C-alpha atoms as a PDB file:
ATOM      1  CA  MET A   1      71.773  -8.382  -8.395  1.00  0.00           C
ATOM      2  CA  SER A   2      68.335  -9.049  -6.942  1.00  0.00           C
ATOM      3  CA  ILE A   3      68.662  -5.749  -5.746  1.00  0.00           C
ATOM      4  CA  THR A   4      68.892  -4.273  -8.920  1.00  0.00           C
ATOM      5  CA  LYS A   5      66.265  -6.263 -10.232  1.00  0.00           C
ATOM      6  CA  ASN A   6      63.675  -5.023  -7.918  1.00  0.00           C
ATOM      7  CA  ILE A   7      64.975  -1.598  -8.436  1.00  0.00           C
ATOM      8  CA  ILE A   8      64.301  -1.930 -11.996  1.00  0.00           C
ATOM      9  CA  LYS A   9      60.930  -3.733 -11.283  1.00  0.00           C
ATOM     10  CA  ASN A  10      60.038  -0.780  -8.692  1.00  0.00           C
ATOM     11  CA  ILE A  11      61.082   1.648 -11.625  1.00  0.00           C
ATOM     12  CA  ALA A  12      58.951  -0.287 -13.901  1.00  0.00           C
ATOM     13  CA  LEU A  13      55.879  -0.494 -11.666  1.00  0.00           C
ATOM     14  CA  VAL A  14      56.047   3.253 -10.992  1.00  0.00           C
ATOM     15  CA  SER A  15      56.308   4.176 -14.341  1.00  0.00           C
ATOM     16  CA  LEU A  16      53.519   2.428 -15.711  1.00  0.00           C
ATOM     17  CA  LEU A  17      51.608   3.913 -12.749  1.00  0.00           C
ATOM     18  CA  SER A  18      52.147   7.068 -13.681  1.00  0.00           C
ATOM     19  CA  TYR A  19      51.421   6.518 -17.424  1.00  0.00           C
ATOM     20  CA  ALA A  20      48.381   4.911 -16.280  1.00  0.00           C
ATOM     21  CA  THR A  21      47.492   8.113 -13.744  1.00  0.00           C
ATOM     22  CA  VAL A  22      48.414  10.723 -16.909  1.00  0.00           C
ATOM     23  CA  GLY A  23      45.755   9.095 -19.334  1.00  0.00           C
ATOM     24  CA  GLN A  24      43.020   9.326 -16.269  1.00  0.00           C
ATOM     25  CA  ALA A  25      43.745  12.601 -15.474  1.00  0.00           C
ATOM     26  CA  GLU A  26      43.230  13.433 -19.715  1.00  0.00           C
ATOM     27  CA  GLN A  27      40.536  11.181 -19.960  1.00  0.00           C
ATOM     28  CA  TYR A  28      38.760  13.201 -16.577  1.00  0.00           C
ATOM     29  CA  ASN A  29      39.824  16.029 -18.076  1.00  0.00           C
ATOM     30  CA  GLN A  30      37.959  15.604 -21.934  1.00  0.00           C
ATOM     31  CA  GLN A  31      35.036  14.280 -19.648  1.00  0.00           C
ATOM     32  CA  GLU A  32      34.823  17.636 -17.731  1.00  0.00           C
ATOM     33  CA  LYS A  33      35.039  19.651 -21.067  1.00  0.00           C
ATOM     34  CA  ASP A  34      31.967  17.462 -22.423  1.00  0.00           C
ATOM     35  CA  ILE A  35      30.021  17.943 -19.599  1.00  0.00           C
ATOM     36  CA  GLY A  36      30.823  21.664 -19.543  1.00  0.00           C
ATOM     37  CA  LYS A  37      29.285  21.535 -23.136  1.00  0.00           C
ATOM     38  CA  ILE A  38      25.890  19.944 -21.676  1.00  0.00           C
ATOM     39  CA  VAL A  39      25.998  23.029 -19.208  1.00  0.00           C
ATOM     40  CA  LYS A  40      25.923  25.581 -21.962  1.00  0.00           C
ATOM     41  CA  GLU A  41      23.517  23.679 -23.967  1.00  0.00           C
ATOM     42  CA  LEU A  42      20.956  23.132 -21.245  1.00  0.00           C
ATOM     43  CA  THR A  43      21.224  26.947 -21.014  1.00  0.00           C
ATOM     44  CA  TYR A  44      20.637  27.112 -24.577  1.00  0.00           C
ATOM     45  CA  LEU A  45      17.497  25.192 -24.004  1.00  0.00           C
ATOM     46  CA  ILE A  46      16.400  27.341 -21.213  1.00  0.00           C
ATOM     47  CA  GLN A  47      16.343  30.222 -23.519  1.00  0.00           C
ATOM     48  CA  VAL A  48      14.467  28.468 -26.483  1.00  0.00           C
ATOM     49  CA  SER A  49      11.898  27.536 -23.679  1.00  0.00           C
ATOM     50  CA  GLN A  50      11.543  30.841 -22.026  1.00  0.00           C
ATOM     51  CA  GLN A  51      11.263  32.378 -25.866  1.00  0.00           C
ATOM     52  CA  LEU A  52       8.396  29.575 -26.501  1.00  0.00           C
ATOM     53  CA  GLN A  53       6.574  30.295 -22.790  1.00  0.00           C
ATOM     54  CA  TYR A  54       6.862  33.811 -24.120  1.00  0.00           C
ATOM     55  CA  LYS A  55       5.360  32.904 -27.659  1.00  0.00           C
ATOM     56  CA  TYR A  56       2.578  31.246 -26.184  1.00  0.00           C
ATOM     57  CA  ARG A  57       1.361  32.936 -23.400  1.00  0.00           C
ATOM     58  CA  GLY A  58      -1.737  33.654 -24.804  1.00  0.00           C
ATOM     59  CA  ASP A  59      -2.615  30.048 -25.551  1.00  0.00           C
ATOM     60  CA  LYS A  60      -6.262  29.239 -24.591  1.00  0.00           C
ATOM     61  CA  SER A  61      -6.424  25.705 -25.052  1.00  0.00           C
ATOM     62  CA  LYS A  62      -7.688  23.279 -22.141  1.00  0.00           C
ATOM     63  CA  ILE A  63      -4.472  21.594 -21.820  1.00  0.00           C
ATOM     64  CA  LYS A  64      -1.169  23.303 -21.766  1.00  0.00           C
ATOM     65  CA  PHE A  65       2.143  22.866 -22.177  1.00  0.00           C
ATOM     66  CA  ASN A  66       3.974  23.984 -18.647  1.00  0.00           C
ATOM     67  CA  TYR A  67       6.435  25.489 -19.534  1.00  0.00           C
ATOM     68  CA  PRO A  68       7.586  27.041 -16.061  1.00  0.00           C
ATOM     69  CA  ALA A  69       8.141  23.601 -15.323  1.00  0.00           C
ATOM     70  CA  LEU A  70      10.148  22.442 -18.220  1.00  0.00           C
ATOM     71  CA  ILE A  71      12.422  26.188 -17.453  1.00  0.00           C
ATOM     72  CA  GLN A  72      12.277  25.112 -13.336  1.00  0.00           C
ATOM     73  CA  GLN A  73      13.203  21.463 -14.461  1.00  0.00           C
ATOM     74  CA  LEU A  74      16.447  22.004 -17.239  1.00  0.00           C
ATOM     75  CA  LYS A  75      17.514  25.093 -14.662  1.00  0.00           C
ATOM     76  CA  ALA A  76      17.749  22.795 -11.370  1.00  0.00           C
ATOM     77  CA  THR A  77      20.202  20.350 -14.021  1.00  0.00           C
ATOM     78  CA  ARG A  78      22.322  22.560 -15.349  1.00  0.00           C
ATOM     79  CA  LEU A  79      22.911  23.664 -11.454  1.00  0.00           C
ATOM     80  CA  ALA A  80      23.268  20.337 -10.085  1.00  0.00           C
ATOM     81  CA  THR A  81      25.508  19.741 -13.476  1.00  0.00           C
ATOM     82  CA  GLN A  82      27.462  22.660 -12.525  1.00  0.00           C
ATOM     83  CA  GLU A  83      27.745  21.929  -8.746  1.00  0.00           C
ATOM     84  CA  TYR A  84      29.237  18.673  -9.949  1.00  0.00           C
ATOM     85  CA  LEU A  85      32.161  20.423 -12.550  1.00  0.00           C
ATOM     86  CA  ASN A  86      32.745  23.058  -9.432  1.00  0.00           C
ATOM     87  CA  GLN A  87      33.602  20.288  -6.531  1.00  0.00           C
ATOM     88  CA  GLU A  88      37.244  20.985  -5.295  1.00  0.00           C
ATOM     89  CA  LEU A  89      37.099  16.556  -4.201  1.00  0.00           C
ATOM     90  CA  TYR A  90      35.872  14.900  -6.727  1.00  0.00           C
ATOM     91  CA  GLU A  91      33.099  11.571  -5.261  1.00  0.00           C
ATOM     92  CA  ILE A  92      32.236   8.648  -6.837  1.00  0.00           C
ATOM     93  CA  HIS A  93      28.535   9.158  -7.923  1.00  0.00           C
ATOM     94  CA  LYS A  94      26.529   6.175  -8.773  1.00  0.00           C
ATOM     95  CA  ALA A  95      24.042   8.127 -10.065  1.00  0.00           C
ATOM     96  CA  PRO A  96      23.268  11.092 -12.448  1.00  0.00           C
ATOM     97  CA  PRO A  97      22.170  14.563 -10.921  1.00  0.00           C
ATOM     98  CA  VAL A  98      18.469  14.421  -8.950  1.00  0.00           C
ATOM     99  CA  THR A  99      15.744  15.432 -10.942  1.00  0.00           C
ATOM    100  CA  HIS A 100      12.484  17.620 -10.415  1.00  0.00           C
ATOM    101  CA  LYS A 101       9.243  15.733 -11.480  1.00  0.00           C
ATOM    102  CA  PRO A 102       7.088  18.208 -12.226  1.00  0.00           C
ATOM    103  CA  GLN A 103       4.050  17.683 -14.834  1.00  0.00           C
ATOM    104  CA  LEU A 104       4.645  18.974 -18.392  1.00  0.00           C
ATOM    105  CA  THR A 105       0.650  19.599 -19.131  1.00  0.00           C
ATOM    106  CA  LYS A 106      -1.287  21.580 -17.535  1.00  0.00           C
ATOM    107  CA  VAL A 107      -5.652  20.628 -17.646  1.00  0.00           C
ATOM    108  CA  LYS A 108      -7.665  23.994 -17.203  1.00  0.00           C
END
């Protein structure tokens, strides 16, 4: 009887582990989709920033917004996020993708 009990316990344990793994995979797939949405939003923000850069290209103010720095930052963040999504071997990341810190204003 103890052999039967051990087999039943092992089957139950395997079932629980399988269920937990499936739940984690579903959660990860949803997270991956959500991060993909962020990439799309970053692409949109890059486009809007480029449009604003073009719109205000003739600004003669002493202090101007640094659109190239903003665009560079957004592109770097988008690239790092895409690389994260495209990794085949997933590793634990202790921090979000590295960012650049250019000044967002220029003084003439």
